[in-house]
Amino acid sequence: PMYIEELTHALLESDAWRGNKTLSGNELANVHIPATLQESLAARLDKLGSAKTLLQVCSLLGREFSYKLLLAVSETGNEKALKKELARIVDADLLFKRSSGAELTYKFKHSLIQEAASQSLLKSNRKILHLRIAEAKESRFPEVIEQRPQKLAYHFAAGGVPEKAIKYWTIAGRRSVTRSANLEAIEQAKAGLALVEKLPASDARNAMEVPLQSILGSALLGSKGYTAPEVRDVFTRARALCEQIGTDEHLFQVLVGLWMYYEVSAHYADALEVGSQLVRIANASGNEGQLVQAHYARGFTQFYRGEFEAAKEQFEKALTFEVEGGDYSSQSASGDDTRTHVRCMLAHVYWHLGFPKTALRFVEESTELARSVEQPYAITFVSFFNGWCHQLRKEPIPASSYANECVRLAEENGYGFFVPLGRFIQAWGANFSVGKMAVIEDEVICDKMRALLDISLGSGVG
């Protein structure tokens, strides 16, 4: 459709056109018909004259951009001339002008027009403009740093300042992990790491790589699963870098990721060793978020080793470090609130120790807290573990309800690890009815399993 529109523009702007009449064959033969859409767009850009340079600048600002940003980047002393040239571009049907309250914005009519304008720039000029855009956004538009740091990273990279680009890719990746946008975080971390690889080897380069590897590992945990080989490789690399440059700034979070890999891979001795190291680091720092995470990690491992009393001690100790307004997300491997995890695991510990009512109280506390912090990963985690707890209590209705929420959130947010776990509880719930039927079906299933066991033992299979 756009090519047809461009052909029409070419005809209407040709010398052969003389108003509303039918052209003869000879007259049509003299009309230049662009062979490609790109050729047609290039011809229209050339007809803008001096305004073409302005449109080229606009093309680097994005498909839609604010007039304030354009004014800052143009560095013009003649705003009246700037507005006049913008009006020419709008009249040429290349940009749309929009006004929303006090905010004036412009938008390219089509992304191909933006692309054509950008490609018409010399590489040297494009690099200069990208840097000018990055510096203008950084100094005059703080909301960009807060809301869209990846834009700054892109412009600084294209402007030839990789160190600043790496800084903003790191900020963007960390922000994405916090929002549980794992696929975005993976792309952003990899973009930053690609720039790191081009820098000369040094401790400064290693220091820039560590947080990016940590972000990548955290995002891979949620998307690929805790036992993915990539998770181990990323966190092992980050740990080695921390030891090489002798910094503790990112070591805690890196170790949390490595602990998670060891834990879910059932390497409990390694997980306990890392968990103990986390406790030592947290005790030295006195950071409440680290203390909660460290005691949670150690307790989690002890729970899976069957050391329920020791696990309870660690989880309850973690609760003592909670303070109003504390940050309990930034130190976790998954970027969500560790306090919700602690309560989930206390529910399981108390159930195993023979206190089902206390277990149920922590189920309710963890659910309430997870919903209050409004973090998708926290709610997914809580939904699975609380569904599991209700399964242990032989309560199919609440178990299924939690499992349904777990699967829904896991599928919506790309938490592949939790999908089969939630479905397992769904399947269990589907095979049980409320009350007496559950007991009857349990007994039937047990009888069948005993019969299978007798057969296998009798045949020597056991």
Protein backbone atom coordinates (compact mmCIF):
# COMPACT_ATOMS: atom_id res chain seq x y z
CA PRO A 1 0.00 0.00 0.00
CA MET A 2 2.75 2.45 0.80
CA TYR A 3 4.45 1.82 -2.56
CA ILE A 4 1.19 2.64 -4.37
CA GLU A 5 0.94 5.83 -2.31
CA GLU A 6 4.50 6.77 -3.23
CA LEU A 7 3.77 6.20 -6.93
CA THR A 8 0.85 8.57 -6.60
CA HIS A 9 3.10 11.16 -4.95
CA ALA A 10 5.62 10.77 -7.78
CA LEU A 11 2.90 11.35 -10.37
CA LEU A 12 1.36 14.36 -8.62
CA GLU A 13 4.75 16.03 -8.20
CA SER A 14 5.93 15.33 -11.75
CA ASP A 15 6.29 18.07 -14.42
CA ALA A 16 3.88 16.13 -16.65
CA TRP A 17 1.00 16.65 -14.22
CA ARG A 18 -1.02 19.73 -15.01
CA GLY A 19 -3.97 19.46 -12.66
CA ASN A 20 -7.10 17.38 -13.04
CA LYS A 21 -6.82 15.87 -16.52
CA THR A 22 -6.05 12.63 -18.26
CA LEU A 23 -2.43 12.22 -19.28
CA SER A 24 -1.58 10.93 -22.71
CA GLY A 25 0.64 7.93 -23.23
CA ASN A 26 3.59 10.12 -24.26
CA GLU A 27 3.17 12.29 -21.18
CA LEU A 28 3.06 9.24 -18.91
CA ALA A 29 6.19 7.90 -20.56
CA ASN A 30 8.05 11.02 -19.42
CA VAL A 31 7.04 10.53 -15.78
CA HIS A 32 9.82 8.90 -13.73
CA ILE A 33 8.42 5.86 -11.93
CA PRO A 34 10.64 4.80 -9.00
CA ALA A 35 11.64 1.17 -9.29
CA THR A 36 11.59 0.60 -5.52
CA LEU A 37 9.94 2.10 -2.48
CA GLN A 38 13.37 3.06 -1.15
CA GLU A 39 14.14 4.98 -4.30
CA SER A 40 10.84 6.85 -4.07
CA LEU A 41 11.40 7.76 -0.40
CA ALA A 42 14.96 8.90 -1.14
CA ALA A 43 13.66 11.19 -3.89
CA ARG A 44 11.08 12.72 -1.55
CA LEU A 45 13.72 13.32 1.12
CA ASP A 46 15.94 15.11 -1.41
CA LYS A 47 13.07 17.47 -2.27
CA LEU A 48 13.00 18.68 1.34
CA GLY A 49 16.18 20.67 0.80
CA SER A 50 17.63 21.95 4.10
CA ALA A 51 14.79 20.28 6.04
CA LYS A 52 16.24 16.89 5.09
CA THR A 53 19.02 17.33 7.64
CA LEU A 54 16.44 17.93 10.35
CA LEU A 55 14.48 14.83 9.34
CA GLN A 56 17.68 12.80 9.55
CA VAL A 57 18.14 13.97 13.14
CA CYS A 58 14.51 13.07 13.87
CA SER A 59 15.06 9.57 12.49
CA LEU A 60 17.54 8.79 15.26
CA LEU A 61 15.18 9.94 18.01
CA GLY A 62 12.74 7.10 17.36
CA ARG A 63 9.45 6.47 15.58
CA GLU A 64 7.83 8.98 17.95
CA PHE A 65 9.68 11.74 19.81
CA SER A 66 9.04 14.90 21.79
CA TYR A 67 9.66 18.39 20.49
CA LYS A 68 11.60 19.16 23.70
CA LEU A 69 14.07 16.37 22.95
CA LEU A 70 14.47 17.47 19.33
CA LEU A 71 15.08 21.06 20.44
CA ALA A 72 17.75 19.90 22.90
CA VAL A 73 19.50 17.70 20.33
CA SER A 74 19.34 20.21 17.48
CA GLU A 75 21.28 22.77 19.56
CA THR A 76 19.77 25.51 17.42
CA GLY A 77 19.76 29.16 18.34
CA ASN A 78 16.88 29.83 15.98
CA GLU A 79 13.81 28.00 17.24
CA LYS A 80 11.58 29.83 14.78
CA ALA A 81 13.54 28.36 11.83
CA LEU A 82 13.38 24.91 13.44
CA LYS A 83 9.58 25.07 13.67
CA LYS A 84 9.37 26.29 10.07
CA GLU A 85 11.37 23.31 8.78
CA LEU A 86 9.30 20.93 10.91
CA ALA A 87 6.18 22.38 9.32
CA ARG A 88 7.64 21.68 5.87
CA ILE A 89 8.23 18.05 6.81
CA VAL A 90 4.70 17.71 8.18
CA ASP A 91 3.28 19.30 5.00
CA ALA A 92 5.29 16.78 2.97
CA ASP A 93 3.30 14.04 4.76
CA LEU A 94 6.38 12.50 6.34
CA LEU A 95 5.67 13.34 9.99
CA PHE A 96 2.49 13.61 12.05
CA LYS A 97 2.24 16.40 14.61
CA ARG A 98 0.50 15.59 17.89
CA SER A 99 -0.28 17.72 20.91
CA SER A 100 -1.28 16.29 24.29
CA GLY A 101 -1.66 19.04 26.87
CA ALA A 102 1.66 20.85 27.17
CA GLU A 103 3.55 18.00 25.44
CA LEU A 104 4.18 18.35 21.71
CA THR A 105 5.29 15.20 19.89
CA TYR A 106 6.00 14.11 16.34
CA LYS A 107 5.64 10.67 14.80
CA PHE A 108 6.93 9.26 11.52
CA LYS A 109 4.09 8.38 9.20
CA HIS A 110 5.74 5.01 8.57
CA SER A 111 8.77 3.24 10.00
CA LEU A 112 10.18 2.89 6.46
CA ILE A 113 10.33 6.69 6.18
CA GLN A 114 12.29 6.79 9.43
CA GLU A 115 14.60 4.05 8.11
CA ALA A 116 15.17 5.84 4.80
CA ALA A 117 16.06 9.08 6.59
CA SER A 118 18.45 7.28 8.93
CA GLN A 119 20.17 5.37 6.13
CA SER A 120 20.78 8.58 4.20
CA LEU A 121 23.09 9.78 6.99
CA LEU A 122 26.85 9.42 6.71
CA LYS A 123 28.23 7.00 9.33
CA SER A 124 30.40 9.70 10.87
CA ASN A 125 27.45 12.08 11.23
CA ARG A 126 25.24 9.32 12.62
CA LYS A 127 27.79 8.57 15.33
CA ILE A 128 28.01 12.25 16.33
CA LEU A 129 24.23 12.57 16.47
CA HIS A 130 23.78 9.40 18.53
CA LEU A 131 26.24 10.73 21.11
CA ARG A 132 24.50 14.11 21.16
CA ILE A 133 21.14 12.39 21.73
CA ALA A 134 22.55 10.23 24.52
CA GLU A 135 24.11 13.20 26.32
CA ALA A 136 20.95 15.29 25.95
CA LYS A 137 18.77 12.51 27.38
CA GLU A 138 21.21 11.84 30.21
CA SER A 139 21.55 15.46 31.30
CA ARG A 140 18.06 16.88 30.64
CA PHE A 141 15.62 13.98 30.76
CA PRO A 142 16.09 12.02 34.03
CA GLU A 143 12.83 10.15 33.42
CA VAL A 144 14.54 8.32 30.54
CA ILE A 145 17.18 6.93 32.90
CA GLU A 146 14.43 5.80 35.27
CA GLN A 147 11.98 4.39 32.72
CA ARG A 148 13.94 3.54 29.54
CA PRO A 149 17.66 3.15 30.33
CA GLN A 150 18.01 0.82 27.32
CA LYS A 151 17.49 3.86 25.06
CA LEU A 152 20.52 5.56 26.57
CA ALA A 153 22.52 2.34 26.27
CA TYR A 154 21.66 2.11 22.56
CA HIS A 155 22.60 5.72 21.79
CA PHE A 156 25.86 5.63 23.79
CA ALA A 157 26.87 2.40 22.04
CA ALA A 158 26.10 3.87 18.61
CA GLY A 159 27.86 7.07 19.68
CA GLY A 160 31.10 5.22 20.40
CA VAL A 161 31.08 5.37 24.22
CA PRO A 162 30.88 1.67 25.23
CA GLU A 163 31.59 2.25 28.93
CA LYS A 164 28.46 4.35 29.37
CA ALA A 165 26.46 1.99 27.17
CA ILE A 166 27.48 -0.90 29.45
CA LYS A 167 26.42 1.13 32.49
CA TYR A 168 22.93 1.68 31.11
CA TRP A 169 22.54 -1.88 29.80
CA THR A 170 23.29 -2.97 33.38
CA ILE A 171 20.65 -0.61 34.78
CA ALA A 172 18.14 -1.78 32.17
CA GLY A 173 18.85 -5.47 32.84
CA ARG A 174 18.53 -5.07 36.59
CA ARG A 175 15.25 -3.21 36.12
CA SER A 176 13.93 -6.00 33.89
CA VAL A 177 14.85 -8.70 36.43
CA THR A 178 13.02 -6.74 39.13
CA ARG A 179 9.93 -6.66 36.89
CA SER A 180 10.34 -10.41 36.15
CA ALA A 181 10.83 -9.55 32.47
CA ASN A 182 13.42 -12.30 32.10
CA LEU A 183 13.62 -12.46 28.30
CA GLU A 184 14.22 -8.70 28.12
CA ALA A 185 16.85 -8.97 30.85
CA ILE A 186 18.68 -11.72 28.93
CA GLU A 187 18.81 -9.58 25.76
CA GLN A 188 19.98 -6.52 27.69
CA ALA A 189 22.66 -8.39 29.62
CA LYS A 190 23.95 -10.00 26.42
CA ALA A 191 24.03 -6.61 24.68
CA GLY A 192 26.16 -5.25 27.50
CA LEU A 193 28.43 -8.31 27.55
CA ALA A 194 29.00 -8.00 23.80
CA LEU A 195 30.39 -4.51 24.40
CA VAL A 196 32.48 -5.70 27.35
CA GLU A 197 34.17 -8.31 25.14
CA LYS A 198 35.45 -5.55 22.84
CA LEU A 199 37.24 -3.70 25.66
CA PRO A 200 40.89 -4.43 26.51
CA ALA A 201 41.45 -6.85 29.39
CA SER A 202 41.66 -5.11 32.78
CA ASP A 203 40.21 -5.17 36.28
CA ALA A 204 37.93 -2.31 35.24
CA ARG A 205 36.54 -4.41 32.40
CA ASN A 206 36.01 -7.38 34.74
CA ALA A 207 34.21 -5.10 37.20
CA MET A 208 31.79 -4.10 34.43
CA GLU A 209 31.24 -7.73 33.42
CA VAL A 210 30.34 -9.10 36.87
CA PRO A 211 26.94 -7.37 37.33
CA LEU A 212 25.95 -8.21 33.76
CA GLN A 213 26.76 -11.89 34.33
CA SER A 214 24.78 -11.78 37.56
CA ILE A 215 21.77 -10.25 35.78
CA LEU A 216 22.04 -12.83 32.99
CA GLY A 217 22.20 -15.66 35.50
CA SER A 218 19.16 -14.39 37.43
CA ALA A 219 17.14 -14.07 34.22
CA LEU A 220 18.19 -17.55 33.08
CA LEU A 221 17.10 -18.99 36.44
CA GLY A 222 13.55 -17.84 35.82
CA SER A 223 13.34 -18.63 32.11
CA LYS A 224 15.52 -21.70 31.54
CA GLY A 225 15.22 -23.32 34.95
CA TYR A 226 17.49 -23.54 37.98
CA THR A 227 19.47 -26.54 36.75
CA ALA A 228 20.25 -25.28 33.24
CA PRO A 229 23.98 -25.63 32.45
CA GLU A 230 24.02 -21.97 31.34
CA VAL A 231 23.06 -20.93 34.87
CA ARG A 232 26.01 -22.78 36.37
CA ASP A 233 28.42 -21.43 33.75
CA VAL A 234 27.31 -17.81 34.15
CA PHE A 235 27.47 -17.71 37.95
CA THR A 236 30.73 -19.69 38.06
CA ARG A 237 32.26 -17.16 35.66
CA ALA A 238 30.98 -14.26 37.77
CA ARG A 239 32.35 -15.81 40.97
CA ALA A 240 35.77 -16.28 39.40
CA LEU A 241 35.79 -12.65 38.26
CA CYS A 242 34.89 -11.43 41.75
CA GLU A 243 37.75 -13.43 43.23
CA GLN A 244 40.10 -12.22 40.50
CA ILE A 245 39.46 -8.52 41.06
CA GLY A 246 39.02 -8.92 44.83
CA THR A 247 35.66 -7.20 45.10
CA ASP A 248 32.73 -8.08 47.36
CA GLU A 249 30.35 -5.59 45.75
CA HIS A 250 28.52 -8.18 43.64
CA LEU A 251 29.84 -11.37 45.24
CA PHE A 252 26.82 -11.93 47.49
CA GLN A 253 24.29 -11.89 44.67
CA VAL A 254 26.52 -14.04 42.48
CA LEU A 255 26.81 -16.62 45.25
CA VAL A 256 23.03 -16.60 45.73
CA GLY A 257 22.65 -17.58 42.08
CA LEU A 258 25.27 -20.30 42.38
CA TRP A 259 23.62 -21.58 45.57
CA MET A 260 20.31 -21.81 43.72
CA TYR A 261 21.90 -23.92 40.98
CA TYR A 262 23.54 -26.30 43.47
CA GLU A 263 20.37 -26.54 45.55
CA VAL A 264 17.97 -27.47 42.78
CA SER A 265 20.58 -29.74 41.17
CA ALA A 266 20.63 -31.64 44.50
CA HIS A 267 24.32 -30.90 45.13
CA TYR A 268 23.45 -30.26 48.77
CA ALA A 269 27.00 -30.30 50.15
CA ASP A 270 28.03 -27.57 47.70
CA ALA A 271 24.80 -25.67 48.37
CA LEU A 272 25.37 -25.79 52.14
CA GLU A 273 28.95 -24.57 51.72
CA VAL A 274 27.81 -21.61 49.61
CA GLY A 275 24.93 -20.94 52.02
CA SER A 276 27.37 -20.80 54.95
CA GLN A 277 29.55 -18.37 52.97
CA LEU A 278 26.50 -16.19 52.37
CA VAL A 279 25.80 -16.08 56.11
CA ARG A 280 29.40 -15.00 56.82
CA ILE A 281 29.22 -12.22 54.22
CA ALA A 282 25.82 -11.03 55.47
CA ASN A 283 26.98 -11.01 59.10
CA ALA A 284 29.98 -8.89 58.11
CA SER A 285 27.89 -6.42 56.10
CA GLY A 286 24.96 -6.16 58.51
CA ASN A 287 22.66 -5.63 55.52
CA GLU A 288 19.12 -6.73 56.45
CA GLY A 289 18.31 -7.90 52.93
CA GLN A 290 21.46 -10.01 52.81
CA LEU A 291 20.84 -11.45 56.27
CA VAL A 292 17.30 -12.54 55.36
CA GLN A 293 18.50 -14.07 52.08
CA ALA A 294 21.54 -15.80 53.60
CA HIS A 295 19.65 -17.51 56.43
CA TYR A 296 16.87 -18.44 54.01
CA ALA A 297 19.39 -20.08 51.64
CA ARG A 298 21.06 -22.06 54.39
CA GLY A 299 17.72 -23.10 55.87
CA PHE A 300 16.36 -24.13 52.48
CA THR A 301 19.29 -26.51 51.95
CA GLN A 302 18.95 -27.96 55.44
CA PHE A 303 15.24 -28.54 54.81
CA TYR A 304 16.03 -30.64 51.74
CA ARG A 305 18.65 -32.56 53.72
CA GLY A 306 15.88 -33.50 56.17
CA GLU A 307 17.34 -31.33 58.95
CA PHE A 308 13.99 -29.77 59.87
CA GLU A 309 14.87 -28.34 63.29
CA ALA A 310 18.03 -26.71 61.90
CA ALA A 311 16.06 -25.35 58.93
CA LYS A 312 13.38 -23.92 61.26
CA GLU A 313 16.09 -22.15 63.26
CA GLN A 314 17.50 -20.54 60.10
CA PHE A 315 14.09 -19.46 58.75
CA GLU A 316 12.99 -18.00 62.08
CA LYS A 317 16.30 -16.18 62.38
CA ALA A 318 15.70 -14.70 58.92
CA LEU A 319 12.39 -13.26 60.18
CA THR A 320 14.19 -11.38 62.98
CA PHE A 321 16.09 -9.25 60.44
CA GLU A 322 12.99 -7.84 58.77
CA VAL A 323 12.58 -4.07 59.21
CA GLU A 324 9.97 -1.67 57.91
CA GLY A 325 10.82 -0.38 54.44
CA GLY A 326 13.74 -2.77 53.93
CA ASP A 327 14.85 -4.03 50.51
CA TYR A 328 14.31 -7.79 50.36
CA SER A 329 14.30 -8.24 46.59
CA SER A 330 17.63 -6.97 45.27
CA GLN A 331 19.67 -9.64 47.08
CA SER A 332 17.63 -12.61 45.85
CA ALA A 333 18.49 -14.66 42.80
CA SER A 334 15.08 -14.22 41.21
CA GLY A 335 14.60 -10.53 41.96
CA ASP A 336 11.52 -11.00 44.14
CA ASP A 337 10.84 -10.61 47.87
CA THR A 338 12.71 -13.25 49.89
CA ARG A 339 10.34 -12.80 52.86
CA THR A 340 7.61 -14.61 50.93
CA HIS A 341 9.94 -17.57 50.38
CA VAL A 342 10.86 -17.75 54.06
CA ARG A 343 7.20 -18.03 55.11
CA CYS A 344 6.47 -20.69 52.48
CA MET A 345 9.29 -22.83 53.74
CA LEU A 346 8.31 -22.34 57.39
CA ALA A 347 4.91 -23.76 56.45
CA HIS A 348 6.59 -26.90 55.11
CA VAL A 349 8.97 -27.19 58.06
CA TYR A 350 6.16 -26.97 60.59
CA TRP A 351 4.10 -29.53 58.68
CA HIS A 352 7.00 -31.98 58.73
CA LEU A 353 7.54 -31.35 62.45
CA GLY A 354 3.90 -32.17 63.16
CA PHE A 355 2.31 -28.72 63.50
CA PRO A 356 -0.23 -28.55 60.65
CA LYS A 357 -2.12 -25.53 62.06
CA THR A 358 1.05 -23.46 62.35
CA ALA A 359 1.92 -24.55 58.82
CA LEU A 360 -1.42 -23.23 57.59
CA ARG A 361 -0.79 -19.88 59.32
CA PHE A 362 2.44 -19.43 57.35
CA VAL A 363 0.67 -20.45 54.14
CA GLU A 364 -1.77 -17.60 54.69
CA GLU A 365 0.97 -15.13 55.68
CA SER A 366 3.07 -15.87 52.60
CA THR A 367 0.07 -15.54 50.30
CA GLU A 368 -0.94 -12.19 51.80
CA LEU A 369 2.60 -10.84 51.62
CA ALA A 370 3.15 -12.02 48.03
CA ARG A 371 -0.02 -10.31 46.86
CA SER A 372 0.89 -7.10 48.69
CA VAL A 373 4.31 -6.79 47.02
CA GLU A 374 2.69 -7.47 43.62
CA GLN A 375 5.66 -9.39 42.15
CA PRO A 376 4.63 -12.09 39.63
CA TYR A 377 7.53 -14.36 40.51
CA ALA A 378 6.83 -14.14 44.24
CA ILE A 379 3.17 -15.04 43.68
CA THR A 380 4.16 -17.94 41.38
CA PHE A 381 6.64 -19.30 43.93
CA VAL A 382 4.12 -18.97 46.76
CA SER A 383 1.36 -20.56 44.68
CA PHE A 384 3.41 -23.68 44.02
CA PHE A 385 4.76 -24.19 47.53
CA ASN A 386 1.44 -23.42 49.19
CA GLY A 387 -0.36 -25.71 46.76
CA TRP A 388 2.14 -28.39 47.70
CA CYS A 389 1.51 -27.76 51.39
CA HIS A 390 -2.24 -28.22 50.90
CA GLN A 391 -1.47 -31.39 48.96
CA LEU A 392 0.45 -32.71 51.97
CA ARG A 393 -2.56 -31.83 54.11
CA LYS A 394 -4.81 -33.80 51.67
CA GLU A 395 -6.83 -30.71 50.74
CA PRO A 396 -7.46 -30.97 46.98
CA ILE A 397 -9.59 -27.84 46.52
CA PRO A 398 -7.12 -25.22 47.87
CA ALA A 399 -4.20 -27.22 46.41
CA SER A 400 -5.77 -27.06 42.94
CA SER A 401 -6.59 -23.37 43.32
CA TYR A 402 -2.97 -22.52 44.12
CA ALA A 403 -1.73 -24.83 41.34
CA ASN A 404 -3.99 -23.16 38.76
CA GLU A 405 -2.59 -19.75 39.69
CA CYS A 406 0.96 -21.09 39.58
CA VAL A 407 0.58 -22.51 36.07
CA ARG A 408 -1.22 -19.42 34.76
CA LEU A 409 1.44 -17.00 36.01
CA ALA A 410 4.30 -19.27 34.96
CA GLU A 411 2.97 -19.50 31.41
CA GLU A 412 2.21 -15.76 31.21
CA ASN A 413 5.65 -14.71 32.43
CA GLY A 414 7.86 -17.43 30.96
CA TYR A 415 8.76 -19.18 34.24
CA GLY A 416 9.27 -22.53 32.56
CA PHE A 417 10.53 -24.22 35.71
CA PHE A 418 7.20 -23.88 37.54
CA VAL A 419 4.86 -25.05 34.76
CA PRO A 420 5.34 -28.84 35.22
CA LEU A 421 5.44 -28.45 39.02
CA GLY A 422 2.10 -26.68 39.04
CA ARG A 423 0.63 -29.20 36.61
CA PHE A 424 1.71 -32.05 38.87
CA ILE A 425 -0.42 -30.62 41.70
CA GLN A 426 -3.26 -29.95 39.24
CA ALA A 427 -3.17 -33.61 38.23
CA TRP A 428 -3.15 -34.71 41.85
CA GLY A 429 -6.13 -32.48 42.66
CA ALA A 430 -8.06 -33.75 39.63
CA ASN A 431 -7.85 -37.32 40.95
CA PHE A 432 -9.29 -36.57 44.37
CA SER A 433 -12.68 -35.46 45.61
CA VAL A 434 -13.60 -33.62 48.75
CA GLY A 435 -13.89 -35.38 52.10
CA LYS A 436 -14.61 -39.07 52.27
CA MET A 437 -14.05 -39.78 48.57
CA ALA A 438 -10.47 -38.57 48.94
CA VAL A 439 -9.85 -41.14 51.67
CA ILE A 440 -11.52 -43.90 49.64
CA GLU A 441 -9.49 -43.09 46.52
CA ASP A 442 -6.30 -42.87 48.59
CA GLU A 443 -6.96 -46.37 49.91
CA VAL A 444 -7.72 -47.71 46.41
CA ILE A 445 -4.51 -46.21 45.04
CA CYS A 446 -2.51 -47.60 47.97
CA ASP A 447 -3.97 -51.08 47.42
CA LYS A 448 -3.02 -50.96 43.75
CA MET A 449 0.50 -49.77 44.56
CA ARG A 450 0.93 -52.52 47.16
CA ALA A 451 -0.17 -55.08 44.57
CA LEU A 452 2.35 -53.72 42.05
CA LEU A 453 5.07 -53.81 44.71
CA ASP A 454 4.26 -57.44 45.59
CA ILE A 455 4.46 -58.40 41.92
CA SER A 456 7.77 -56.62 41.39
CA LEU A 457 9.31 -58.11 44.53
CA GLY A 458 8.04 -61.55 43.68
CA SER A 459 9.57 -61.40 40.20
CA GLY A 460 12.89 -60.14 41.49
CA VAL A 461 12.51 -56.76 39.81
CA GLY A 462 12.69 -54.97 43.17
